[in-house]
Amino acid sequence: MTNPYEVLGIKEGASQDEIKKAYRELAKKYHPDISQDPKATEKFQKINDAYDFLSSDNINKYKNM
């Protein structure tokens, strides 16, 4: 998997607010219904995967292991 921080264009250790802001900006830019980019669907999926991976629920789950 690609580094989720790199996918979202943020520094490692970013706050949940920074993660959410980066996700929303990229999701809006690459949403397949809006973007003219031929790879928009692929990029949008990577953005979603990175956001899911960095979600607070997921991070808390790994901290508790």
Foldseek 3Di string as FASTA:
>chain_A
DPQLCVLLVHDPPDDLVSLVVSLVVLLVALVPVPHPDPCSVVSNVSSVVSSVCPPPVNVVVVVVD
